[in-house]
C-alpha atoms as a PDB file:
ATOM      1  CA  MET A   1       9.846 -18.301 -15.647  1.00  0.00           C
ATOM      2  CA  SER A   2       8.288 -21.377 -14.076  1.00  0.00           C
ATOM      3  CA  ALA A   3       4.568 -22.139 -14.077  1.00  0.00           C
ATOM      4  CA  LEU A   4       4.423 -21.401 -10.338  1.00  0.00           C
ATOM      5  CA  GLU A   5       6.072 -18.021 -10.825  1.00  0.00           C
ATOM      6  CA  ALA A   6       3.716 -17.171 -13.687  1.00  0.00           C
ATOM      7  CA  VAL A   7       0.645 -17.992 -11.590  1.00  0.00           C
ATOM      8  CA  ALA A   8       2.012 -16.017  -8.643  1.00  0.00           C
ATOM      9  CA  ILE A   9       2.658 -12.953 -10.835  1.00  0.00           C
ATOM     10  CA  LEU A  10      -0.809 -13.215 -12.401  1.00  0.00           C
ATOM     11  CA  LEU A  11      -2.475 -13.421  -8.983  1.00  0.00           C
ATOM     12  CA  ALA A  12      -0.310 -10.576  -7.690  1.00  0.00           C
ATOM     13  CA  GLY A  13      -1.475  -8.483 -10.651  1.00  0.00           C
ATOM     14  CA  PHE A  14      -5.099  -9.232  -9.787  1.00  0.00           C
ATOM     15  CA  GLY A  15      -4.561  -8.275  -6.163  1.00  0.00           C
ATOM     16  CA  ALA A  16      -2.711  -5.113  -7.124  1.00  0.00           C
ATOM     17  CA  GLY A  17      -5.418  -4.041  -9.570  1.00  0.00           C
ATOM     18  CA  MET A  18      -8.121  -4.551  -6.969  1.00  0.00           C
ATOM     19  CA  ILE A  19      -6.232  -2.826  -4.163  1.00  0.00           C
ATOM     20  CA  ASN A  20      -5.220   0.084  -6.397  1.00  0.00           C
ATOM     21  CA  ALA A  21      -8.856   0.743  -7.276  1.00  0.00           C
ATOM     22  CA  VAL A  22      -9.982   0.581  -3.649  1.00  0.00           C
ATOM     23  CA  VAL A  23      -7.071   1.823  -1.542  1.00  0.00           C
ATOM     24  CA  GLY A  24      -3.891   2.282  -3.571  1.00  0.00           C
ATOM     25  CA  SER A  25      -0.574   0.472  -2.909  1.00  0.00           C
ATOM     26  CA  GLY A  26      -0.836  -2.465  -5.313  1.00  0.00           C
ATOM     27  CA  THR A  27       2.886  -2.222  -6.047  1.00  0.00           C
ATOM     28  CA  LEU A  28       3.469  -3.562  -2.543  1.00  0.00           C
ATOM     29  CA  ILE A  29       1.949  -6.812  -3.841  1.00  0.00           C
ATOM     30  CA  THR A  30       3.488  -7.088  -7.309  1.00  0.00           C
ATOM     31  CA  PHE A  31       6.990  -5.736  -6.644  1.00  0.00           C
ATOM     32  CA  PRO A  32       7.869  -8.214  -3.861  1.00  0.00           C
ATOM     33  CA  THR A  33       6.412 -11.014  -5.998  1.00  0.00           C
ATOM     34  CA  LEU A  34       8.748 -10.100  -8.847  1.00  0.00           C
ATOM     35  CA  LEU A  35      11.718  -9.974  -6.467  1.00  0.00           C
ATOM     36  CA  TRP A  36      10.722 -13.439  -5.208  1.00  0.00           C
ATOM     37  CA  ALA A  37      10.633 -14.639  -8.824  1.00  0.00           C
ATOM     38  CA  GLY A  38      14.254 -13.563  -9.225  1.00  0.00           C
ATOM     39  CA  TYR A  39      14.020 -10.302 -11.154  1.00  0.00           C
ATOM     40  CA  ALA A  40      16.461  -7.479 -10.437  1.00  0.00           C
ATOM     41  CA  PRO A  41      14.908  -4.508  -8.594  1.00  0.00           C
ATOM     42  CA  VAL A  42      15.076  -1.995 -11.463  1.00  0.00           C
ATOM     43  CA  THR A  43      13.820  -4.555 -13.980  1.00  0.00           C
ATOM     44  CA  ALA A  44      11.009  -5.506 -11.613  1.00  0.00           C
ATOM     45  CA  ASN A  45      10.061  -1.860 -11.091  1.00  0.00           C
ATOM     46  CA  VAL A  46      10.049  -1.063 -14.828  1.00  0.00           C
ATOM     47  CA  SER A  47       8.037  -4.157 -15.806  1.00  0.00           C
ATOM     48  CA  ASN A  48       5.630  -3.654 -12.923  1.00  0.00           C
ATOM     49  CA  THR A  49       4.966  -0.043 -13.903  1.00  0.00           C
ATOM     50  CA  LEU A  50       4.087  -1.048 -17.462  1.00  0.00           C
ATOM     51  CA  GLY A  51       1.907  -3.932 -16.336  1.00  0.00           C
ATOM     52  CA  LEU A  52      -0.167  -1.916 -13.876  1.00  0.00           C
ATOM     53  CA  VAL A  53      -1.193   0.688 -16.460  1.00  0.00           C
ATOM     54  CA  ALA A  54      -3.982  -1.529 -17.774  1.00  0.00           C
ATOM     55  CA  GLY A  55      -5.381  -2.151 -14.300  1.00  0.00           C
ATOM     56  CA  GLY A  56      -5.293   1.559 -13.533  1.00  0.00           C
ATOM     57  CA  VAL A  57      -7.305   2.313 -16.662  1.00  0.00           C
ATOM     58  CA  ALA A  58      -9.871  -0.325 -15.691  1.00  0.00           C
ATOM     59  CA  GLY A  59     -10.187   1.038 -12.155  1.00  0.00           C
ATOM     60  CA  SER A  60     -10.445   4.624 -13.388  1.00  0.00           C
ATOM     61  CA  TRP A  61     -13.221   3.686 -15.811  1.00  0.00           C
ATOM     62  CA  GLY A  62     -15.071   1.970 -12.999  1.00  0.00           C
ATOM     63  CA  TYR A  63     -15.106   5.237 -11.016  1.00  0.00           C
ATOM     64  CA  ARG A  64     -16.186   7.434 -13.928  1.00  0.00           C
ATOM     65  CA  GLY A  65     -19.569   8.080 -12.298  1.00  0.00           C
ATOM     66  CA  GLU A  66     -17.894   9.776  -9.330  1.00  0.00           C
ATOM     67  CA  LEU A  67     -16.067  12.178 -11.660  1.00  0.00           C
ATOM     68  CA  VAL A  68     -19.020  13.761 -13.439  1.00  0.00           C
ATOM     69  CA  GLY A  69     -18.274  17.498 -13.575  1.00  0.00           C
ATOM     70  CA  ALA A  70     -14.678  17.037 -12.406  1.00  0.00           C
ATOM     71  CA  GLY A  71     -13.114  18.014 -15.731  1.00  0.00           C
ATOM     72  CA  PRO A  72     -11.857  21.486 -14.714  1.00  0.00           C
ATOM     73  CA  THR A  73     -10.093  20.146 -11.626  1.00  0.00           C
ATOM     74  CA  LEU A  74      -8.528  17.241 -13.505  1.00  0.00           C
ATOM     75  CA  ARG A  75      -7.285  19.557 -16.244  1.00  0.00           C
ATOM     76  CA  ARG A  76      -5.244  21.413 -13.624  1.00  0.00           C
ATOM     77  CA  LEU A  77      -4.050  18.395 -11.653  1.00  0.00           C
ATOM     78  CA  LEU A  78      -3.153  15.991 -14.477  1.00  0.00           C
ATOM     79  CA  PRO A  79      -0.247  18.034 -15.907  1.00  0.00           C
ATOM     80  CA  MET A  80       1.359  18.184 -12.465  1.00  0.00           C
ATOM     81  CA  SER A  81       1.121  14.406 -12.051  1.00  0.00           C
ATOM     82  CA  VAL A  82       2.551  13.906 -15.541  1.00  0.00           C
ATOM     83  CA  ILE A  83       5.523  16.234 -14.975  1.00  0.00           C
ATOM     84  CA  GLY A  84       6.364  14.649 -11.641  1.00  0.00           C
ATOM     85  CA  ALA A  85       6.099  11.100 -12.982  1.00  0.00           C
ATOM     86  CA  ALA A  86       8.416  11.856 -15.898  1.00  0.00           C
ATOM     87  CA  VAL A  87      11.069  13.198 -13.520  1.00  0.00           C
ATOM     88  CA  GLY A  88      10.723  10.215 -11.188  1.00  0.00           C
ATOM     89  CA  ALA A  89      10.965   7.665 -14.009  1.00  0.00           C
ATOM     90  CA  VAL A  90      14.099   9.287 -15.387  1.00  0.00           C
ATOM     91  CA  LEU A  91      15.692   9.185 -11.936  1.00  0.00           C
ATOM     92  CA  VAL A  92      15.171   5.413 -11.762  1.00  0.00           C
ATOM     93  CA  ILE A  93      17.275   4.953 -14.876  1.00  0.00           C
ATOM     94  CA  VAL A  94      19.920   7.691 -14.640  1.00  0.00           C
ATOM     95  CA  LEU A  95      20.829   7.171 -11.005  1.00  0.00           C
ATOM     96  CA  PRO A  96      23.187   4.249 -10.262  1.00  0.00           C
ATOM     97  CA  PRO A  97      21.293   0.963  -9.638  1.00  0.00           C
ATOM     98  CA  GLY A  98      22.741   0.913  -6.139  1.00  0.00           C
ATOM     99  CA  VAL A  99      20.763   4.047  -5.270  1.00  0.00           C
ATOM    100  CA  PHE A 100      17.470   2.405  -6.178  1.00  0.00           C
ATOM    101  CA  GLU A 101      18.389  -0.829  -4.407  1.00  0.00           C
ATOM    102  CA  ALA A 102      19.295   1.099  -1.249  1.00  0.00           C
ATOM    103  CA  ALA A 103      16.043   3.054  -1.434  1.00  0.00           C
ATOM    104  CA  VAL A 104      13.742   0.080  -2.003  1.00  0.00           C
ATOM    105  CA  PRO A 105      13.472  -1.147   1.618  1.00  0.00           C
ATOM    106  CA  VAL A 106      12.861   2.419   2.794  1.00  0.00           C
ATOM    107  CA  LEU A 107      10.266   3.063   0.096  1.00  0.00           C
ATOM    108  CA  ILE A 108       8.470  -0.198   0.851  1.00  0.00           C
ATOM    109  CA  GLY A 109       8.466   0.677   4.543  1.00  0.00           C
ATOM    110  CA  VAL A 110       7.136   4.190   3.912  1.00  0.00           C
ATOM    111  CA  GLY A 111       4.485   2.818   1.589  1.00  0.00           C
ATOM    112  CA  ALA A 112       3.378   0.212   4.118  1.00  0.00           C
ATOM    113  CA  PHE A 113       3.221   2.829   6.882  1.00  0.00           C
ATOM    114  CA  LEU A 114       1.063   5.104   4.732  1.00  0.00           C
ATOM    115  CA  VAL A 115      -1.298   2.265   3.876  1.00  0.00           C
ATOM    116  CA  VAL A 116      -1.726   1.229   7.512  1.00  0.00           C
ATOM    117  CA  ALA A 117      -1.862   4.771   8.887  1.00  0.00           C
ATOM    118  CA  GLY A 118      -3.998   6.039   6.010  1.00  0.00           C
ATOM    119  CA  PRO A 119      -7.361   6.177   7.836  1.00  0.00           C
ATOM    120  CA  ARG A 120      -5.926   8.056  10.824  1.00  0.00           C
ATOM    121  CA  LEU A 121      -4.025  10.478   8.598  1.00  0.00           C
ATOM    122  CA  GLN A 122      -7.113  11.133   6.482  1.00  0.00           C
ATOM    123  CA  ALA A 123      -9.272  11.668   9.566  1.00  0.00           C
ATOM    124  CA  ALA A 124      -6.716  14.111  10.998  1.00  0.00           C
ATOM    125  CA  MET A 125      -6.568  15.958   7.685  1.00  0.00           C
ATOM    126  CA  ALA A 126     -10.348  16.111   7.451  1.00  0.00           C
ATOM    127  CA  ARG A 127     -10.528  17.931  10.802  1.00  0.00           C
ATOM    128  CA  HIS A 128      -8.460  20.762   9.334  1.00  0.00           C
ATOM    129  CA  ARG A 129     -10.596  21.490   6.300  1.00  0.00           C
ATOM    130  CA  PRO A 130     -14.183  22.634   5.786  1.00  0.00           C
ATOM    131  CA  ALA A 131     -17.008  20.140   5.581  1.00  0.00           C
ATOM    132  CA  ALA A 132     -17.411  18.588   2.126  1.00  0.00           C
ATOM    133  CA  ASP A 133     -20.030  20.225  -0.043  1.00  0.00           C
ATOM    134  CA  GLY A 134     -19.616  17.946  -3.039  1.00  0.00           C
ATOM    135  CA  HIS A 135     -18.864  20.818  -5.432  1.00  0.00           C
ATOM    136  CA  GLY A 136     -15.082  21.035  -5.086  1.00  0.00           C
ATOM    137  CA  GLN A 137     -13.052  24.136  -5.834  1.00  0.00           C
ATOM    138  CA  THR A 138     -10.147  25.374  -7.901  1.00  0.00           C
ATOM    139  CA  PRO A 139      -6.956  23.521  -6.865  1.00  0.00           C
ATOM    140  CA  GLY A 140      -4.559  25.775  -4.981  1.00  0.00           C
ATOM    141  CA  VAL A 141      -0.793  25.990  -5.324  1.00  0.00           C
ATOM    142  CA  ALA A 142      -0.203  23.630  -2.377  1.00  0.00           C
ATOM    143  CA  LEU A 143      -2.328  20.918  -3.981  1.00  0.00           C
ATOM    144  CA  LEU A 144      -0.700  21.381  -7.386  1.00  0.00           C
ATOM    145  CA  VAL A 145       2.794  21.069  -5.902  1.00  0.00           C
ATOM    146  CA  GLY A 146       1.734  18.119  -3.756  1.00  0.00           C
ATOM    147  CA  VAL A 147       0.305  16.265  -6.761  1.00  0.00           C
ATOM    148  CA  MET A 148       3.532  16.899  -8.700  1.00  0.00           C
ATOM    149  CA  LEU A 149       5.644  15.476  -5.854  1.00  0.00           C
ATOM    150  CA  ALA A 150       3.304  12.486  -5.543  1.00  0.00           C
ATOM    151  CA  GLY A 151       3.686  11.949  -9.279  1.00  0.00           C
ATOM    152  CA  MET A 152       7.466  12.057  -8.926  1.00  0.00           C
ATOM    153  CA  TYR A 153       7.259   9.414  -6.207  1.00  0.00           C
ATOM    154  CA  GLY A 154       4.920   7.416  -8.434  1.00  0.00           C
ATOM    155  CA  GLY A 155       7.299   7.585 -11.385  1.00  0.00           C
ATOM    156  CA  TYR A 156      10.223   6.501  -9.199  1.00  0.00           C
ATOM    157  CA  PHE A 157       8.584   3.644  -7.294  1.00  0.00           C
ATOM    158  CA  GLY A 158       4.853   4.173  -6.824  1.00  0.00           C
ATOM    159  CA  ALA A 159       3.931   2.060  -3.797  1.00  0.00           C
ATOM    160  CA  ALA A 160       1.180   3.846  -1.834  1.00  0.00           C
ATOM    161  CA  GLN A 161       1.103   6.758  -4.277  1.00  0.00           C
ATOM    162  CA  GLY A 162      -2.681   6.426  -4.107  1.00  0.00           C
ATOM    163  CA  VAL A 163      -2.659   6.799  -0.331  1.00  0.00           C
ATOM    164  CA  ILE A 164      -0.544   9.942  -0.635  1.00  0.00           C
ATOM    165  CA  LEU A 165      -2.949  11.380  -3.195  1.00  0.00           C
ATOM    166  CA  ILE A 166      -6.009  10.584  -1.079  1.00  0.00           C
ATOM    167  CA  GLY A 167      -4.371  12.286   1.886  1.00  0.00           C
ATOM    168  CA  LEU A 168      -3.515  15.393  -0.122  1.00  0.00           C
ATOM    169  CA  LEU A 169      -6.958  15.651  -1.667  1.00  0.00           C
ATOM    170  CA  SER A 170      -8.660  15.040   1.684  1.00  0.00           C
ATOM    171  CA  LEU A 171      -6.666  17.855   3.247  1.00  0.00           C
ATOM    172  CA  LEU A 172      -6.765  20.383   0.441  1.00  0.00           C
ATOM    173  CA  THR A 173     -10.186  19.935  -1.175  1.00  0.00           C
ATOM    174  CA  THR A 174     -13.786  19.766   0.029  1.00  0.00           C
ATOM    175  CA  ASP A 175     -14.758  16.905  -2.282  1.00  0.00           C
ATOM    176  CA  PRO A 176     -16.392  13.756  -0.857  1.00  0.00           C
ATOM    177  CA  LEU A 177     -14.243  10.652  -0.440  1.00  0.00           C
ATOM    178  CA  GLN A 178     -15.682   8.727  -3.390  1.00  0.00           C
ATOM    179  CA  ARG A 179     -14.851  11.571  -5.781  1.00  0.00           C
ATOM    180  CA  ILE A 180     -11.409  11.846  -4.193  1.00  0.00           C
ATOM    181  CA  ASN A 181     -10.902   8.143  -4.890  1.00  0.00           C
ATOM    182  CA  GLY A 182     -11.860   8.785  -8.506  1.00  0.00           C
ATOM    183  CA  TYR A 183      -9.290  11.585  -8.728  1.00  0.00           C
ATOM    184  CA  LYS A 184      -6.715   9.303  -7.149  1.00  0.00           C
ATOM    185  CA  ASN A 185      -7.278   6.584  -9.746  1.00  0.00           C
ATOM    186  CA  ILE A 186      -6.923   9.014 -12.647  1.00  0.00           C
ATOM    187  CA  LEU A 187      -3.817  10.758 -11.301  1.00  0.00           C
ATOM    188  CA  ALA A 188      -2.027   7.566 -10.262  1.00  0.00           C
ATOM    189  CA  THR A 189      -2.809   5.941 -13.608  1.00  0.00           C
ATOM    190  CA  ALA A 190      -1.489   9.005 -15.435  1.00  0.00           C
ATOM    191  CA  ALA A 191       1.737   8.757 -13.450  1.00  0.00           C
ATOM    192  CA  ASN A 192       2.025   5.069 -14.363  1.00  0.00           C
ATOM    193  CA  VAL A 193       1.404   5.813 -18.043  1.00  0.00           C
ATOM    194  CA  VAL A 194       4.095   8.488 -18.117  1.00  0.00           C
ATOM    195  CA  GLY A 195       6.514   6.268 -16.208  1.00  0.00           C
ATOM    196  CA  ALA A 196       5.799   3.395 -18.599  1.00  0.00           C
ATOM    197  CA  LEU A 197       6.350   5.539 -21.701  1.00  0.00           C
ATOM    198  CA  THR A 198       9.550   6.970 -20.229  1.00  0.00           C
ATOM    199  CA  PHE A 199      10.885   3.496 -19.495  1.00  0.00           C
ATOM    200  CA  LEU A 200      10.022   2.321 -23.021  1.00  0.00           C
ATOM    201  CA  VAL A 201      11.987   5.204 -24.518  1.00  0.00           C
ATOM    202  CA  ILE A 202      15.081   5.250 -22.317  1.00  0.00           C
ATOM    203  CA  ALA A 203      15.289   1.693 -20.943  1.00  0.00           C
ATOM    204  CA  PRO A 204      13.532  -0.825 -23.224  1.00  0.00           C
ATOM    205  CA  ASP A 205      16.125  -3.438 -22.266  1.00  0.00           C
ATOM    206  CA  ARG A 206      14.762  -3.450 -18.702  1.00  0.00           C
ATOM    207  CA  VAL A 207      11.273  -4.551 -19.804  1.00  0.00           C
ATOM    208  CA  VAL A 208      10.324  -8.220 -19.364  1.00  0.00           C
ATOM    209  CA  TRP A 209       7.267  -8.480 -21.580  1.00  0.00           C
ATOM    210  CA  GLU A 210       5.931 -11.772 -20.224  1.00  0.00           C
ATOM    211  CA  VAL A 211       5.864 -10.174 -16.774  1.00  0.00           C
ATOM    212  CA  VAL A 212       4.162  -7.067 -18.169  1.00  0.00           C
ATOM    213  CA  GLY A 213       1.509  -9.238 -19.841  1.00  0.00           C
ATOM    214  CA  LEU A 214       0.760 -11.288 -16.734  1.00  0.00           C
ATOM    215  CA  ILE A 215       0.489  -8.232 -14.480  1.00  0.00           C
ATOM    216  CA  ALA A 216      -1.633  -6.396 -17.058  1.00  0.00           C
ATOM    217  CA  LEU A 217      -4.034  -9.330 -17.419  1.00  0.00           C
ATOM    218  CA  GLY A 218      -4.376  -9.785 -13.685  1.00  0.00           C
ATOM    219  CA  SER A 219      -4.625  -6.080 -12.880  1.00  0.00           C
ATOM    220  CA  VAL A 220      -7.377  -5.455 -15.442  1.00  0.00           C
ATOM    221  CA  ALA A 221      -9.524  -8.120 -13.817  1.00  0.00           C
ATOM    222  CA  GLY A 222      -8.619  -6.815 -10.372  1.00  0.00           C
ATOM    223  CA  GLY A 223      -9.336  -3.209 -11.357  1.00  0.00           C
ATOM    224  CA  ILE A 224     -12.798  -4.137 -12.638  1.00  0.00           C
ATOM    225  CA  VAL A 225     -13.606  -6.085  -9.478  1.00  0.00           C
ATOM    226  CA  GLY A 226     -12.136  -3.412  -7.205  1.00  0.00           C
ATOM    227  CA  ALA A 227     -14.102  -0.604  -8.851  1.00  0.00           C
ATOM    228  CA  ALA A 228     -17.317  -2.629  -8.775  1.00  0.00           C
ATOM    229  CA  VAL A 229     -17.167  -3.479  -5.086  1.00  0.00           C
ATOM    230  CA  GLY A 230     -14.942  -0.666  -3.830  1.00  0.00           C
ATOM    231  CA  ARG A 231     -17.621   0.695  -1.501  1.00  0.00           C
ATOM    232  CA  ARG A 232     -18.223  -2.705   0.093  1.00  0.00           C
ATOM    233  CA  ILE A 233     -14.794  -4.268   0.622  1.00  0.00           C
ATOM    234  CA  PRO A 234     -13.490  -3.749   4.163  1.00  0.00           C
ATOM    235  CA  THR A 235     -10.179  -1.958   3.753  1.00  0.00           C
ATOM    236  CA  THR A 236      -8.696  -3.199   7.034  1.00  0.00           C
ATOM    237  CA  PRO A 237      -8.038  -6.774   5.811  1.00  0.00           C
ATOM    238  CA  LEU A 238      -6.458  -5.377   2.655  1.00  0.00           C
ATOM    239  CA  ARG A 239      -4.204  -3.111   4.702  1.00  0.00           C
ATOM    240  CA  ILE A 240      -3.127  -6.051   6.873  1.00  0.00           C
ATOM    241  CA  VAL A 241      -2.251  -8.109   3.795  1.00  0.00           C
ATOM    242  CA  VAL A 242      -0.194  -5.242   2.399  1.00  0.00           C
ATOM    243  CA  LEU A 243       1.626  -4.806   5.714  1.00  0.00           C
ATOM    244  CA  VAL A 244       2.507  -8.511   6.002  1.00  0.00           C
ATOM    245  CA  ILE A 245       3.746  -8.691   2.420  1.00  0.00           C
ATOM    246  CA  SER A 246       5.750  -5.504   2.889  1.00  0.00           C
ATOM    247  CA  VAL A 247       7.532  -6.825   5.971  1.00  0.00           C
ATOM    248  CA  ILE A 248       8.336 -10.083   4.188  1.00  0.00           C
ATOM    249  CA  ALA A 249       9.616  -8.140   1.177  1.00  0.00           C
ATOM    250  CA  ILE A 250      11.879  -5.926   3.278  1.00  0.00           C
ATOM    251  CA  VAL A 251      13.351  -8.889   5.161  1.00  0.00           C
ATOM    252  CA  ALA A 252      13.856 -10.866   1.964  1.00  0.00           C
ATOM    253  CA  PHE A 253      15.427  -7.893   0.186  1.00  0.00           C
ATOM    254  CA  VAL A 254      17.956  -6.977   2.870  1.00  0.00           C
ATOM    255  CA  THR A 255      18.978 -10.601   3.541  1.00  0.00           C
ATOM    256  CA  ARG A 256      19.289 -11.782  -0.049  1.00  0.00           C
END
């Protein structure tokens, strides 16, 4: 790894940590950076998942104030995210590498679309549920299944998992957006933790620890900053950055 590549990965980790805390989709920053640095897709995905755990924890801690009284809901949602993530992480390893490589451009494209279309999708979802009362309610079957599927996606690849979770929670709960963002951080981080542990057990040879360390260091700083200023950062510029990087990543991936 050259000095330039190390700096790029560190900065990508910072950007991913910040974006994950505010919007979700940080993998669309780090994953293309790792591909640019020459890492194989599965190796990049595994190392990226491990590295982003630390940033997710930092972002989740920063939103702890929004989750006061949310324990009962989280106790029902967390197991679903964990189960889904474990299944998704196993699929990354047991399926032939060609399957993951073929899926990457599609997954990046879907993730980018969800990031860009997120506000419109959330607004449309909000029109179909009752007005938020701030007290929440017991998660229904649809939300539990949706969180499990989002966790599976997160364990397999993870880009824009946060956007998916925000959309689900906006549609199927009456909680205010800031609390929903807090839920999103916890659930997405749980999926990353499970994916990371699964990779460590069944594919330790795919882990590049210097990459994990750089992404972890950058994402912790980014998660702290993102959580601190999450209510003030305009999300539109962040979405544009993610879209541009995603397009570049897709082009670079299919023409390599």
